[in-house]
Amino acid sequence: MSLRPRPVIDRGDEYIPAPPFASAADYGSFHAALAIHAAELGRASGGPHVETFALCAVIDQLTEYPAVVPENSYPSPAVLQIALQTYFPAAWTPDSLVSACAGRLPSRGGRWALISPDRLVEDQDPIFEAIRASDGSWSAQFIERGVKKPPEHLTDDWQMVIYLMQYLAESHPYPFGHGYADGYPERRRPAARAVVKAFAKVRELPFLQKWADDTDL
């Protein structure tokens, strides 16, 4: 199965709790850190861009910050998809990441027959199986119609997390790779250019200037 290139990220941040959340504080910390991660992606590519601002607004809107979080609670499917697409480096483990996505992401949740710290099995075609060795490395393999594909070897739990993020993320979100009516993108472009032009002025506002200038945030 063809997978996209993966970013090189050394490890997850142990201070960002991964789901399931044990408390309202953990819930809030996860969502706040995800919003900052999205903002930093904008900074890294010369932003913030209008889409950076929009993404942070979506994360903020999807974060309810309840006073009491039920035991073993999880983020919404939309928040999970944002975390996957942006390789959000929380304190994930391979099994915690799969457990968070299983049954919650309509297109990528999969039918997981086994989720454990040392073995992951997705029961569909192609079958996906990953096994953790005694040295902490992983071997991940697809079996399509009974034919085993060459396995991929991951050096540790964190590299397996990155691999799983790539695998579980929606690979072709609309409109990329989809069909649409002729001329539809072209009709959107004048408005898009106008929005970008206006947002260039928004970026001059003090609160965004402070964000752009403060590389220690």
C-alpha atoms as a PDB file:
ATOM      1  CA  MET A   1       0.000   0.000   0.000  1.00  0.00           C
ATOM      2  CA  SER A   2       1.371   3.381  -1.025  1.00  0.00           C
ATOM      3  CA  LEU A   3       1.851   5.812   1.851  1.00  0.00           C
ATOM      4  CA  ARG A   4       2.937   9.431   1.747  1.00  0.00           C
ATOM      5  CA  PRO A   5       6.351  10.655   2.934  1.00  0.00           C
ATOM      6  CA  ARG A   6       6.562  10.966   6.708  1.00  0.00           C
ATOM      7  CA  PRO A   7       8.098  13.844   8.688  1.00  0.00           C
ATOM      8  CA  VAL A   8      11.162  13.233  10.820  1.00  0.00           C
ATOM      9  CA  ILE A   9      10.063  13.939  14.417  1.00  0.00           C
ATOM     10  CA  ASP A  10      12.309  12.536  17.126  1.00  0.00           C
ATOM     11  CA  ARG A  11       9.671  11.880  19.781  1.00  0.00           C
ATOM     12  CA  GLY A  12       6.342  12.916  21.208  1.00  0.00           C
ATOM     13  CA  ASP A  13       6.003  15.497  23.961  1.00  0.00           C
ATOM     14  CA  GLU A  14       5.526  13.704  27.266  1.00  0.00           C
ATOM     15  CA  TYR A  15       3.879  16.831  28.684  1.00  0.00           C
ATOM     16  CA  ILE A  16       0.978  16.657  26.197  1.00  0.00           C
ATOM     17  CA  PRO A  17      -1.453  14.008  27.468  1.00  0.00           C
ATOM     18  CA  ALA A  18      -2.776  11.602  24.868  1.00  0.00           C
ATOM     19  CA  PRO A  19      -6.302  10.208  25.087  1.00  0.00           C
ATOM     20  CA  PRO A  20      -8.074   8.669  26.846  1.00  0.00           C
ATOM     21  CA  PHE A  21      -8.105  11.686  29.143  1.00  0.00           C
ATOM     22  CA  ALA A  22      -8.126  11.181  32.886  1.00  0.00           C
ATOM     23  CA  SER A  23      -9.189  14.721  33.765  1.00  0.00           C
ATOM     24  CA  ALA A  24     -10.561  18.001  32.444  1.00  0.00           C
ATOM     25  CA  ALA A  25      -7.039  19.434  32.742  1.00  0.00           C
ATOM     26  CA  ASP A  26      -5.648  16.734  30.431  1.00  0.00           C
ATOM     27  CA  TYR A  27      -8.495  17.342  27.985  1.00  0.00           C
ATOM     28  CA  GLY A  28      -7.789  21.063  27.933  1.00  0.00           C
ATOM     29  CA  SER A  29      -4.026  20.624  27.665  1.00  0.00           C
ATOM     30  CA  PHE A  30      -4.375  18.369  24.619  1.00  0.00           C
ATOM     31  CA  HIS A  31      -6.614  20.786  22.716  1.00  0.00           C
ATOM     32  CA  ALA A  32      -4.616  23.883  23.646  1.00  0.00           C
ATOM     33  CA  ALA A  33      -1.382  22.228  22.540  1.00  0.00           C
ATOM     34  CA  LEU A  34      -3.011  21.131  19.268  1.00  0.00           C
ATOM     35  CA  ALA A  35      -4.033  24.726  18.509  1.00  0.00           C
ATOM     36  CA  ILE A  36      -0.494  25.941  19.203  1.00  0.00           C
ATOM     37  CA  HIS A  37       0.871  23.135  17.010  1.00  0.00           C
ATOM     38  CA  ALA A  38      -1.381  24.318  14.164  1.00  0.00           C
ATOM     39  CA  ALA A  39      -0.243  27.906  14.683  1.00  0.00           C
ATOM     40  CA  GLU A  40       3.397  26.817  14.625  1.00  0.00           C
ATOM     41  CA  LEU A  41       2.815  25.014  11.336  1.00  0.00           C
ATOM     42  CA  GLY A  42       1.673  28.367   9.972  1.00  0.00           C
ATOM     43  CA  ARG A  43       4.750  30.072  11.382  1.00  0.00           C
ATOM     44  CA  ALA A  44       7.038  27.430   9.860  1.00  0.00           C
ATOM     45  CA  SER A  45       5.610  28.127   6.390  1.00  0.00           C
ATOM     46  CA  GLY A  46       5.745  31.919   6.660  1.00  0.00           C
ATOM     47  CA  GLY A  47       2.340  32.498   8.259  1.00  0.00           C
ATOM     48  CA  PRO A  48       0.081  32.670  10.047  1.00  0.00           C
ATOM     49  CA  HIS A  49      -2.041  32.229   6.930  1.00  0.00           C
ATOM     50  CA  VAL A  50      -5.791  32.645   6.710  1.00  0.00           C
ATOM     51  CA  GLU A  51      -6.146  28.858   6.758  1.00  0.00           C
ATOM     52  CA  THR A  52      -3.978  28.719   9.902  1.00  0.00           C
ATOM     53  CA  PHE A  53      -6.335  31.159  11.589  1.00  0.00           C
ATOM     54  CA  ALA A  54      -9.360  29.169  10.410  1.00  0.00           C
ATOM     55  CA  LEU A  55      -7.929  25.864  11.656  1.00  0.00           C
ATOM     56  CA  CYS A  56      -7.181  27.300  15.095  1.00  0.00           C
ATOM     57  CA  ALA A  57     -10.733  28.685  15.228  1.00  0.00           C
ATOM     58  CA  VAL A  58     -12.118  25.221  14.417  1.00  0.00           C
ATOM     59  CA  ILE A  59     -10.053  23.595  17.173  1.00  0.00           C
ATOM     60  CA  ASP A  60     -11.196  26.278  19.610  1.00  0.00           C
ATOM     61  CA  GLN A  61     -14.841  25.774  18.597  1.00  0.00           C
ATOM     62  CA  LEU A  62     -14.579  21.997  19.034  1.00  0.00           C
ATOM     63  CA  THR A  63     -13.071  22.349  22.503  1.00  0.00           C
ATOM     64  CA  GLU A  64     -15.795  22.518  25.132  1.00  0.00           C
ATOM     65  CA  TYR A  65     -13.545  22.455  28.227  1.00  0.00           C
ATOM     66  CA  PRO A  66     -16.050  20.631  30.444  1.00  0.00           C
ATOM     67  CA  ALA A  67     -15.726  20.981  34.209  1.00  0.00           C
ATOM     68  CA  VAL A  68     -15.776  17.209  34.540  1.00  0.00           C
ATOM     69  CA  VAL A  69     -14.462  14.859  31.867  1.00  0.00           C
ATOM     70  CA  PRO A  70     -15.860  11.319  31.879  1.00  0.00           C
ATOM     71  CA  GLU A  71     -13.255   8.655  32.518  1.00  0.00           C
ATOM     72  CA  ASN A  72     -11.505   7.446  29.357  1.00  0.00           C
ATOM     73  CA  SER A  73     -12.852  10.279  27.185  1.00  0.00           C
ATOM     74  CA  TYR A  74     -11.577  11.046  23.686  1.00  0.00           C
ATOM     75  CA  PRO A  75     -11.394  14.034  21.319  1.00  0.00           C
ATOM     76  CA  SER A  76     -14.037  14.488  18.644  1.00  0.00           C
ATOM     77  CA  PRO A  77     -13.481  12.798  15.253  1.00  0.00           C
ATOM     78  CA  ALA A  78     -12.699  16.203  13.696  1.00  0.00           C
ATOM     79  CA  VAL A  79     -10.029  16.946  16.297  1.00  0.00           C
ATOM     80  CA  LEU A  80      -8.532  13.474  15.842  1.00  0.00           C
ATOM     81  CA  GLN A  81      -8.337  14.013  12.080  1.00  0.00           C
ATOM     82  CA  ILE A  82      -6.561  17.348  12.594  1.00  0.00           C
ATOM     83  CA  ALA A  83      -4.100  15.649  14.968  1.00  0.00           C
ATOM     84  CA  LEU A  84      -3.390  12.916  12.408  1.00  0.00           C
ATOM     85  CA  GLN A  85      -3.040  15.231   9.415  1.00  0.00           C
ATOM     86  CA  THR A  86      -0.598  17.475  11.293  1.00  0.00           C
ATOM     87  CA  TYR A  87       1.358  14.672  13.030  1.00  0.00           C
ATOM     88  CA  PHE A  88       0.533  16.208  16.401  1.00  0.00           C
ATOM     89  CA  PRO A  89       3.317  14.997  18.755  1.00  0.00           C
ATOM     90  CA  ALA A  90       1.385  14.249  21.947  1.00  0.00           C
ATOM     91  CA  ALA A  91       2.464  11.418  24.254  1.00  0.00           C
ATOM     92  CA  TRP A  92       0.968   8.795  21.962  1.00  0.00           C
ATOM     93  CA  THR A  93       1.822   5.111  21.977  1.00  0.00           C
ATOM     94  CA  PRO A  94       0.937   2.915  18.995  1.00  0.00           C
ATOM     95  CA  ASP A  95      -1.945   1.232  20.805  1.00  0.00           C
ATOM     96  CA  SER A  96      -3.294   4.466  22.331  1.00  0.00           C
ATOM     97  CA  LEU A  97      -3.365   6.108  18.894  1.00  0.00           C
ATOM     98  CA  VAL A  98      -5.197   3.207  17.278  1.00  0.00           C
ATOM     99  CA  SER A  99      -7.615   2.966  20.222  1.00  0.00           C
ATOM    100  CA  ALA A 100      -8.415   6.671  19.869  1.00  0.00           C
ATOM    101  CA  CYS A 101      -9.197   6.306  16.145  1.00  0.00           C
ATOM    102  CA  ALA A 102     -10.954   2.923  16.144  1.00  0.00           C
ATOM    103  CA  GLY A 103     -14.668   3.437  15.648  1.00  0.00           C
ATOM    104  CA  ARG A 104     -14.378   7.243  15.752  1.00  0.00           C
ATOM    105  CA  LEU A 105     -13.131   8.060  12.268  1.00  0.00           C
ATOM    106  CA  PRO A 106     -15.770   6.966   9.729  1.00  0.00           C
ATOM    107  CA  SER A 107     -13.397   6.358   6.833  1.00  0.00           C
ATOM    108  CA  ARG A 108     -10.181   5.404   8.636  1.00  0.00           C
ATOM    109  CA  GLY A 109     -11.256   3.775  11.904  1.00  0.00           C
ATOM    110  CA  GLY A 110     -10.918   0.309  10.431  1.00  0.00           C
ATOM    111  CA  ARG A 111     -12.045  -2.995  11.850  1.00  0.00           C
ATOM    112  CA  TRP A 112      -9.395  -3.650  14.436  1.00  0.00           C
ATOM    113  CA  ALA A 113      -9.330  -7.284  15.553  1.00  0.00           C
ATOM    114  CA  LEU A 114      -6.521  -6.703  18.061  1.00  0.00           C
ATOM    115  CA  ILE A 115      -5.125  -3.584  19.732  1.00  0.00           C
ATOM    116  CA  SER A 116      -2.380  -4.259  22.262  1.00  0.00           C
ATOM    117  CA  PRO A 117       0.991  -2.732  23.244  1.00  0.00           C
ATOM    118  CA  ASP A 118       2.845  -5.400  21.240  1.00  0.00           C
ATOM    119  CA  ARG A 119       0.531  -6.258  18.335  1.00  0.00           C
ATOM    120  CA  LEU A 120      -1.978  -4.484  16.101  1.00  0.00           C
ATOM    121  CA  VAL A 121      -4.228  -6.304  13.636  1.00  0.00           C
ATOM    122  CA  GLU A 122      -6.757  -4.694  11.300  1.00  0.00           C
ATOM    123  CA  ASP A 123      -9.162  -7.285   9.892  1.00  0.00           C
ATOM    124  CA  GLN A 124     -10.074  -6.121   6.411  1.00  0.00           C
ATOM    125  CA  ASP A 125      -8.631  -6.382   2.902  1.00  0.00           C
ATOM    126  CA  PRO A 126      -5.788  -5.650   2.871  1.00  0.00           C
ATOM    127  CA  ILE A 127      -5.115  -7.043   6.325  1.00  0.00           C
ATOM    128  CA  PHE A 128      -2.746  -4.873   8.331  1.00  0.00           C
ATOM    129  CA  GLU A 129      -0.564  -6.393  11.042  1.00  0.00           C
ATOM    130  CA  ALA A 130       2.174  -4.831  13.155  1.00  0.00           C
ATOM    131  CA  ILE A 131       4.272  -6.705  15.705  1.00  0.00           C
ATOM    132  CA  ARG A 132       6.594  -5.245  18.324  1.00  0.00           C
ATOM    133  CA  ALA A 133       9.913  -7.062  18.872  1.00  0.00           C
ATOM    134  CA  SER A 134      11.677  -7.502  22.202  1.00  0.00           C
ATOM    135  CA  ASP A 135      14.073  -4.641  21.367  1.00  0.00           C
ATOM    136  CA  GLY A 136      11.155  -2.202  20.961  1.00  0.00           C
ATOM    137  CA  SER A 137      11.218  -2.097  17.163  1.00  0.00           C
ATOM    138  CA  TRP A 138       8.136  -2.778  15.030  1.00  0.00           C
ATOM    139  CA  SER A 139       7.453  -4.665  11.828  1.00  0.00           C
ATOM    140  CA  ALA A 140       4.366  -3.516   9.894  1.00  0.00           C
ATOM    141  CA  GLN A 141       2.964  -5.488   6.983  1.00  0.00           C
ATOM    142  CA  PHE A 142      -0.041  -5.556   4.651  1.00  0.00           C
ATOM    143  CA  ILE A 143      -1.529  -8.830   3.435  1.00  0.00           C
ATOM    144  CA  GLU A 144      -3.659  -8.296   0.342  1.00  0.00           C
ATOM    145  CA  ARG A 145      -5.784 -11.232  -0.855  1.00  0.00           C
ATOM    146  CA  GLY A 146      -3.456 -13.617   0.900  1.00  0.00           C
ATOM    147  CA  VAL A 147      -0.288 -12.099  -0.569  1.00  0.00           C
ATOM    148  CA  LYS A 148       2.154 -10.629   1.970  1.00  0.00           C
ATOM    149  CA  LYS A 149       3.648  -7.283   0.993  1.00  0.00           C
ATOM    150  CA  PRO A 150       7.228  -6.405   2.005  1.00  0.00           C
ATOM    151  CA  PRO A 151       7.226  -5.395   5.688  1.00  0.00           C
ATOM    152  CA  GLU A 152       8.323  -1.992   6.909  1.00  0.00           C
ATOM    153  CA  HIS A 153      10.562  -1.841   9.959  1.00  0.00           C
ATOM    154  CA  LEU A 154      10.206   0.989  12.497  1.00  0.00           C
ATOM    155  CA  THR A 155      12.955   1.516  15.058  1.00  0.00           C
ATOM    156  CA  ASP A 156      10.811   2.265  18.123  1.00  0.00           C
ATOM    157  CA  ASP A 157       7.327   3.044  19.437  1.00  0.00           C
ATOM    158  CA  TRP A 158       7.442   6.683  18.362  1.00  0.00           C
ATOM    159  CA  GLN A 159       8.396   5.901  14.768  1.00  0.00           C
ATOM    160  CA  MET A 160       5.518   3.433  14.748  1.00  0.00           C
ATOM    161  CA  VAL A 161       3.217   6.227  15.941  1.00  0.00           C
ATOM    162  CA  ILE A 162       4.313   8.413  13.000  1.00  0.00           C
ATOM    163  CA  TYR A 163       3.736   5.497  10.631  1.00  0.00           C
ATOM    164  CA  LEU A 164       0.241   4.939  12.037  1.00  0.00           C
ATOM    165  CA  MET A 165      -0.618   8.640  11.808  1.00  0.00           C
ATOM    166  CA  GLN A 166       0.244   8.526   8.138  1.00  0.00           C
ATOM    167  CA  TYR A 167      -1.812   5.369   7.648  1.00  0.00           C
ATOM    168  CA  LEU A 168      -4.882   6.456   9.644  1.00  0.00           C
ATOM    169  CA  ALA A 169      -5.172  10.018   8.307  1.00  0.00           C
ATOM    170  CA  GLU A 170      -7.698  10.621   5.546  1.00  0.00           C
ATOM    171  CA  SER A 171      -5.498  10.341   2.460  1.00  0.00           C
ATOM    172  CA  HIS A 172      -7.657  12.327   0.005  1.00  0.00           C
ATOM    173  CA  PRO A 173      -9.745  14.942   1.818  1.00  0.00           C
ATOM    174  CA  TYR A 174     -12.113  16.805  -0.484  1.00  0.00           C
ATOM    175  CA  PRO A 175     -11.414  18.364  -2.934  1.00  0.00           C
ATOM    176  CA  PHE A 176      -7.953  16.801  -3.433  1.00  0.00           C
ATOM    177  CA  GLY A 177      -8.194  13.768  -5.689  1.00  0.00           C
ATOM    178  CA  HIS A 178     -11.967  14.173  -6.101  1.00  0.00           C
ATOM    179  CA  GLY A 179     -14.129  15.114  -9.024  1.00  0.00           C
ATOM    180  CA  TYR A 180     -16.134  18.343  -9.089  1.00  0.00           C
ATOM    181  CA  ALA A 181     -18.134  20.386 -11.562  1.00  0.00           C
ATOM    182  CA  ASP A 182     -16.177  22.012 -14.368  1.00  0.00           C
ATOM    183  CA  GLY A 183     -15.105  25.534 -13.514  1.00  0.00           C
ATOM    184  CA  TYR A 184     -15.983  25.249  -9.835  1.00  0.00           C
ATOM    185  CA  PRO A 185     -12.459  25.943  -8.473  1.00  0.00           C
ATOM    186  CA  GLU A 186     -12.020  28.791 -10.932  1.00  0.00           C
ATOM    187  CA  ARG A 187     -15.188  30.483  -9.641  1.00  0.00           C
ATOM    188  CA  ARG A 188     -13.807  30.373  -6.095  1.00  0.00           C
ATOM    189  CA  ARG A 189     -10.442  31.922  -6.945  1.00  0.00           C
ATOM    190  CA  PRO A 190     -11.388  35.626  -7.079  1.00  0.00           C
ATOM    191  CA  ALA A 191     -12.898  35.405  -3.575  1.00  0.00           C
ATOM    192  CA  ALA A 192      -9.875  33.483  -2.342  1.00  0.00           C
ATOM    193  CA  ARG A 193      -7.506  36.145  -3.644  1.00  0.00           C
ATOM    194  CA  ALA A 194      -9.613  38.861  -2.008  1.00  0.00           C
ATOM    195  CA  VAL A 195      -9.570  37.038   1.343  1.00  0.00           C
ATOM    196  CA  VAL A 196      -5.790  36.566   1.215  1.00  0.00           C
ATOM    197  CA  LYS A 197      -5.324  40.242   0.365  1.00  0.00           C
ATOM    198  CA  ALA A 198      -7.500  41.294   3.309  1.00  0.00           C
ATOM    199  CA  PHE A 199      -5.794  38.875   5.676  1.00  0.00           C
ATOM    200  CA  ALA A 200      -2.464  40.471   4.862  1.00  0.00           C
ATOM    201  CA  LYS A 201      -3.850  43.529   6.684  1.00  0.00           C
ATOM    202  CA  VAL A 202      -5.154  41.370   9.547  1.00  0.00           C
ATOM    203  CA  ARG A 203      -1.602  40.076  10.035  1.00  0.00           C
ATOM    204  CA  GLU A 204      -0.559  43.637  10.836  1.00  0.00           C
ATOM    205  CA  LEU A 205      -2.814  43.744  13.906  1.00  0.00           C
ATOM    206  CA  PRO A 206      -0.878  43.852  17.194  1.00  0.00           C
ATOM    207  CA  PHE A 207      -1.898  40.418  18.495  1.00  0.00           C
ATOM    208  CA  LEU A 208      -0.765  38.674  15.305  1.00  0.00           C
ATOM    209  CA  GLN A 209       2.352  40.797  15.059  1.00  0.00           C
ATOM    210  CA  LYS A 210       3.237  39.738  18.596  1.00  0.00           C
ATOM    211  CA  TRP A 211       2.755  36.094  17.632  1.00  0.00           C
ATOM    212  CA  ALA A 212       4.860  36.471  14.488  1.00  0.00           C
ATOM    213  CA  ASP A 213       7.647  38.284  16.326  1.00  0.00           C
ATOM    214  CA  ASP A 214       7.747  36.135  19.464  1.00  0.00           C
ATOM    215  CA  THR A 215       9.676  33.017  18.486  1.00  0.00           C
ATOM    216  CA  ASP A 216       9.908  32.009  22.159  1.00  0.00           C
ATOM    217  CA  LEU A 217       6.149  31.353  22.482  1.00  0.00           C
END
